[in-house]
Structures are given as structure tokens and as C-alpha cells.
Amino acid sequence: MNKLLINTVGKKKGLHIEMRGHYCEISLNGQIRFFEIHVCEYDKALLEHLIKIDCLDNSHLGECIKLINKPIPDSTLFLYKLQTYIGLVGIDDLWEFNNQISDYKKFGFYDIEDLLEFCNQIWNINKEDFKSIEDTNIPN
């Protein structure tokens, strides 16, 4: 069992109980790098259905599976997509905000611990740094 419990209900489904949200931002080399964790329930019945109707490639589940690009254990409940990009602060319009982002990257994980370890190793951020979108400079 994981050292930390995983929340399986409510708004923060699939995240550590200690995590306050899916979003983070850090100042890096005079720029702001934003992070978003997107959680996808790993539903095998849905997976089989999407394959059957030839829609897996166009689904959030399919995108997460492609990003992970390795076998997913049968015990997996959630998949995680980490999106990160550089953006400007002070833009209230989501369309304008999205049009100015740069250095966009995305990564896939089937274990939240691996995602958090990756974030810590590359950018020195951890679970306590993630918060709700309202507490960031990302317009919503």
C-alpha cells in the first residue's frame, strides 16, 4: 500500500489527500512555468468500448495511455497527464492566455508517486506545491 492515501472521491479524485489541487506555478529563469495534473479514471470497460468503436485515439483515456507508453498494471485505478508550459501572468482572458504560452510539454503516468517524483527531480516541486486553479495565475 502507498505510504499516503489516495483520495478516490470528490473534486480531487485520484490525488493525494494532502494535495490541495491539480495546479502549480513556479518562477524559473525570470519566467513562470505552469503545471496541470489531469486525472483520468482507468476504466477497462470504457477502454474496451473505445477500442471496439475505434475512438481510443481521440479520447482522453487514449491520450494518457499513449503518453505512458508502457504496460499499465491491472491494479491501476487512475492515469495522470502532466502538462507544463511557460506563460505570462496578468492575462485574464483564457483565449489570450493560451495563445501566448510556450515550451508546452506533456507527460503520462499511471502512478501519482512517479509523477510527483518526476516533478521534484526536474523542477524541485512536490505535492504541497499543487493547489486549486483559483490560487494560480491561470485564468478560468
C-alpha atoms as a PDB file:
ATOM      1  CA  MET A   1       0.000   0.000   0.000  1.00  0.00           C
ATOM      2  CA  ASN A   2       1.222   3.504  -0.780  1.00  0.00           C
ATOM      3  CA  LYS A   3       2.724   5.490   2.065  1.00  0.00           C
ATOM      4  CA  LEU A   4      -0.001   8.083   1.515  1.00  0.00           C
ATOM      5  CA  LEU A   5      -3.686   7.522   0.951  1.00  0.00           C
ATOM      6  CA  ILE A   6      -5.165   8.366  -2.427  1.00  0.00           C
ATOM      7  CA  ASN A   7      -8.429  10.307  -2.478  1.00  0.00           C
ATOM      8  CA  THR A   8     -10.981   8.390  -4.547  1.00  0.00           C
ATOM      9  CA  VAL A   9     -13.989  10.669  -4.115  1.00  0.00           C
ATOM     10  CA  GLY A  10     -14.903  14.257  -4.804  1.00  0.00           C
ATOM     11  CA  LYS A  11     -13.145  17.056  -6.643  1.00  0.00           C
ATOM     12  CA  LYS A  12      -9.603  15.830  -6.020  1.00  0.00           C
ATOM     13  CA  LYS A  13     -10.257  12.263  -7.164  1.00  0.00           C
ATOM     14  CA  GLY A  14      -7.026  10.353  -7.725  1.00  0.00           C
ATOM     15  CA  LEU A  15      -4.781  12.813  -5.879  1.00  0.00           C
ATOM     16  CA  HIS A  16      -3.075  12.504  -2.515  1.00  0.00           C
ATOM     17  CA  ILE A  17      -5.212  13.593   0.402  1.00  0.00           C
ATOM     18  CA  GLU A  18      -2.501  16.178   1.179  1.00  0.00           C
ATOM     19  CA  MET A  19      -2.723  17.744  -2.279  1.00  0.00           C
ATOM     20  CA  ARG A  20      -4.844  20.877  -2.405  1.00  0.00           C
ATOM     21  CA  GLY A  21      -5.370  20.735  -6.163  1.00  0.00           C
ATOM     22  CA  HIS A  22      -4.129  19.978  -9.641  1.00  0.00           C
ATOM     23  CA  TYR A  23      -2.205  23.189 -10.434  1.00  0.00           C
ATOM     24  CA  CYS A  24       1.187  24.684  -9.671  1.00  0.00           C
ATOM     25  CA  GLU A  25       3.308  27.566 -10.887  1.00  0.00           C
ATOM     26  CA  ILE A  26       6.943  28.405 -10.268  1.00  0.00           C
ATOM     27  CA  SER A  27       9.263  31.205 -11.252  1.00  0.00           C
ATOM     28  CA  LEU A  28      12.071  29.815 -13.364  1.00  0.00           C
ATOM     29  CA  ASN A  29      14.770  31.911 -15.039  1.00  0.00           C
ATOM     30  CA  GLY A  30      12.584  35.024 -14.927  1.00  0.00           C
ATOM     31  CA  GLN A  31       9.577  33.227 -16.412  1.00  0.00           C
ATOM     32  CA  ILE A  32       6.551  31.498 -14.916  1.00  0.00           C
ATOM     33  CA  ARG A  33       6.225  27.771 -15.568  1.00  0.00           C
ATOM     34  CA  PHE A  34       2.745  26.375 -15.016  1.00  0.00           C
ATOM     35  CA  PHE A  35       1.826  22.753 -14.237  1.00  0.00           C
ATOM     36  CA  GLU A  36      -1.518  21.000 -14.573  1.00  0.00           C
ATOM     37  CA  ILE A  37      -2.303  17.442 -13.486  1.00  0.00           C
ATOM     38  CA  HIS A  38      -5.200  15.861 -15.361  1.00  0.00           C
ATOM     39  CA  VAL A  39      -6.597  12.680 -13.821  1.00  0.00           C
ATOM     40  CA  CYS A  40      -8.283  10.021 -15.929  1.00  0.00           C
ATOM     41  CA  GLU A  41     -10.064   7.040 -14.419  1.00  0.00           C
ATOM     42  CA  TYR A  42      -8.592   3.838 -15.859  1.00  0.00           C
ATOM     43  CA  ASP A  43     -11.853   2.095 -16.726  1.00  0.00           C
ATOM     44  CA  LYS A  44     -11.207  -1.162 -18.576  1.00  0.00           C
ATOM     45  CA  ALA A  45     -14.805  -1.423 -19.788  1.00  0.00           C
ATOM     46  CA  LEU A  46     -14.527   2.060 -21.307  1.00  0.00           C
ATOM     47  CA  LEU A  47     -11.147   1.154 -22.782  1.00  0.00           C
ATOM     48  CA  GLU A  48     -12.605  -1.925 -24.484  1.00  0.00           C
ATOM     49  CA  HIS A  49     -15.585   0.085 -25.739  1.00  0.00           C
ATOM     50  CA  LEU A  50     -13.359   2.834 -27.190  1.00  0.00           C
ATOM     51  CA  ILE A  51     -11.245   0.204 -28.953  1.00  0.00           C
ATOM     52  CA  LYS A  52     -14.371  -1.524 -30.294  1.00  0.00           C
ATOM     53  CA  ILE A  53     -15.791   1.698 -31.777  1.00  0.00           C
ATOM     54  CA  ASP A  54     -12.342   2.825 -32.993  1.00  0.00           C
ATOM     55  CA  CYS A  55     -12.296   6.002 -30.854  1.00  0.00           C
ATOM     56  CA  LEU A  56      -9.447   5.325 -28.433  1.00  0.00           C
ATOM     57  CA  ASP A  57      -7.041   7.619 -30.310  1.00  0.00           C
ATOM     58  CA  ASN A  58      -9.460  10.554 -29.945  1.00  0.00           C
ATOM     59  CA  SER A  59     -10.144  10.123 -26.228  1.00  0.00           C
ATOM     60  CA  HIS A  60      -8.566  11.476 -23.047  1.00  0.00           C
ATOM     61  CA  LEU A  61      -8.002   7.879 -21.932  1.00  0.00           C
ATOM     62  CA  GLY A  62      -6.217   7.083 -25.203  1.00  0.00           C
ATOM     63  CA  GLU A  63      -4.019  10.169 -24.912  1.00  0.00           C
ATOM     64  CA  CYS A  64      -2.963   9.192 -21.380  1.00  0.00           C
ATOM     65  CA  ILE A  65      -2.181   5.637 -22.472  1.00  0.00           C
ATOM     66  CA  LYS A  66      -0.056   6.927 -25.384  1.00  0.00           C
ATOM     67  CA  LEU A  67       1.856   9.288 -23.109  1.00  0.00           C
ATOM     68  CA  ILE A  68       2.605   6.489 -20.635  1.00  0.00           C
ATOM     69  CA  ASN A  69       3.839   4.265 -23.489  1.00  0.00           C
ATOM     70  CA  LYS A  70       4.448   1.158 -21.358  1.00  0.00           C
ATOM     71  CA  PRO A  71       2.303  -1.635 -19.918  1.00  0.00           C
ATOM     72  CA  ILE A  72      -0.184  -0.445 -17.314  1.00  0.00           C
ATOM     73  CA  PRO A  73      -0.624  -2.727 -14.281  1.00  0.00           C
ATOM     74  CA  ASP A  74      -4.051  -4.328 -13.830  1.00  0.00           C
ATOM     75  CA  SER A  75      -4.344  -2.772 -10.362  1.00  0.00           C
ATOM     76  CA  THR A  76      -4.227   0.766 -11.802  1.00  0.00           C
ATOM     77  CA  LEU A  77      -7.215   2.958 -10.945  1.00  0.00           C
ATOM     78  CA  PHE A  78      -6.134   6.287 -12.441  1.00  0.00           C
ATOM     79  CA  LEU A  79      -3.901   7.622 -15.191  1.00  0.00           C
ATOM     80  CA  TYR A  80      -2.262  11.026 -14.971  1.00  0.00           C
ATOM     81  CA  LYS A  81      -1.316  13.566 -17.616  1.00  0.00           C
ATOM     82  CA  LEU A  82       1.095  16.293 -16.548  1.00  0.00           C
ATOM     83  CA  GLN A  83       1.029  19.397 -18.743  1.00  0.00           C
ATOM     84  CA  THR A  84       3.612  22.104 -18.256  1.00  0.00           C
ATOM     85  CA  TYR A  85       4.267  25.322 -20.111  1.00  0.00           C
ATOM     86  CA  ILE A  86       5.647  28.822 -19.763  1.00  0.00           C
ATOM     87  CA  GLY A  87       3.070  31.592 -19.620  1.00  0.00           C
ATOM     88  CA  LEU A  88       2.608  35.235 -18.775  1.00  0.00           C
ATOM     89  CA  VAL A  89       0.828  36.374 -15.632  1.00  0.00           C
ATOM     90  CA  GLY A  90      -1.791  39.090 -15.543  1.00  0.00           C
ATOM     91  CA  ILE A  91      -3.827  37.853 -18.513  1.00  0.00           C
ATOM     92  CA  ASP A  92      -7.473  37.356 -17.514  1.00  0.00           C
ATOM     93  CA  ASP A  93      -8.783  36.050 -20.831  1.00  0.00           C
ATOM     94  CA  LEU A  94      -8.265  32.299 -21.245  1.00  0.00           C
ATOM     95  CA  TRP A  95      -8.041  32.560 -25.057  1.00  0.00           C
ATOM     96  CA  GLU A  96      -5.280  35.192 -24.852  1.00  0.00           C
ATOM     97  CA  PHE A  97      -3.508  33.245 -22.117  1.00  0.00           C
ATOM     98  CA  ASN A  98      -3.494  30.044 -24.194  1.00  0.00           C
ATOM     99  CA  ASN A  99      -2.277  31.886 -27.302  1.00  0.00           C
ATOM    100  CA  GLN A 100       0.838  33.192 -25.570  1.00  0.00           C
ATOM    101  CA  ILE A 101       2.080  30.018 -23.876  1.00  0.00           C
ATOM    102  CA  SER A 102       5.385  28.488 -24.947  1.00  0.00           C
ATOM    103  CA  ASP A 103       7.529  25.455 -24.205  1.00  0.00           C
ATOM    104  CA  TYR A 104       4.454  23.230 -23.864  1.00  0.00           C
ATOM    105  CA  LYS A 105       5.217  19.663 -22.739  1.00  0.00           C
ATOM    106  CA  LYS A 106       3.108  16.745 -21.555  1.00  0.00           C
ATOM    107  CA  PHE A 107       3.935  13.508 -19.776  1.00  0.00           C
ATOM    108  CA  GLY A 108       1.931  10.429 -18.768  1.00  0.00           C
ATOM    109  CA  PHE A 109       1.996   8.376 -15.575  1.00  0.00           C
ATOM    110  CA  TYR A 110      -0.041   5.562 -14.042  1.00  0.00           C
ATOM    111  CA  ASP A 111       1.281   6.223 -10.542  1.00  0.00           C
ATOM    112  CA  ILE A 112       0.892   9.591  -8.802  1.00  0.00           C
ATOM    113  CA  GLU A 113       4.076   8.861  -6.816  1.00  0.00           C
ATOM    114  CA  ASP A 114       6.062   8.622 -10.067  1.00  0.00           C
ATOM    115  CA  LEU A 115       4.548  11.881 -11.323  1.00  0.00           C
ATOM    116  CA  LEU A 116       5.437  13.695  -8.101  1.00  0.00           C
ATOM    117  CA  GLU A 117       8.949  12.250  -8.062  1.00  0.00           C
ATOM    118  CA  PHE A 118       9.409  13.387 -11.686  1.00  0.00           C
ATOM    119  CA  CYS A 119       8.239  16.915 -10.788  1.00  0.00           C
ATOM    120  CA  ASN A 120      10.569  17.010  -7.816  1.00  0.00           C
ATOM    121  CA  GLN A 121      13.600  15.796  -9.762  1.00  0.00           C
ATOM    122  CA  ILE A 122      13.125  18.103 -12.763  1.00  0.00           C
ATOM    123  CA  TRP A 123      11.626  21.255 -11.210  1.00  0.00           C
ATOM    124  CA  ASN A 124      12.031  20.800  -7.437  1.00  0.00           C
ATOM    125  CA  ILE A 125       8.276  20.899  -6.768  1.00  0.00           C
ATOM    126  CA  ASN A 126       6.291  18.480  -4.630  1.00  0.00           C
ATOM    127  CA  LYS A 127       2.710  17.645  -3.694  1.00  0.00           C
ATOM    128  CA  GLU A 128       2.385  20.573  -1.291  1.00  0.00           C
ATOM    129  CA  ASP A 129       3.052  22.991  -4.178  1.00  0.00           C
ATOM    130  CA  PHE A 130      -0.100  21.944  -6.069  1.00  0.00           C
ATOM    131  CA  LYS A 131      -3.230  23.969  -5.391  1.00  0.00           C
ATOM    132  CA  SER A 132      -6.599  24.866  -6.877  1.00  0.00           C
ATOM    133  CA  ILE A 133      -6.708  26.790 -10.152  1.00  0.00           C
ATOM    134  CA  GLU A 134      -8.178  29.789  -8.329  1.00  0.00           C
ATOM    135  CA  ASP A 135      -4.893  30.097  -6.393  1.00  0.00           C
ATOM    136  CA  THR A 136      -2.811  30.383  -9.574  1.00  0.00           C
ATOM    137  CA  ASN A 137      -2.434  32.927 -12.365  1.00  0.00           C
ATOM    138  CA  ILE A 138      -4.198  30.589 -14.833  1.00  0.00           C
ATOM    139  CA  PRO A 139      -7.449  32.241 -15.964  1.00  0.00           C
ATOM    140  CA  ASN A 140     -10.563  30.107 -15.511  1.00  0.00           C
END
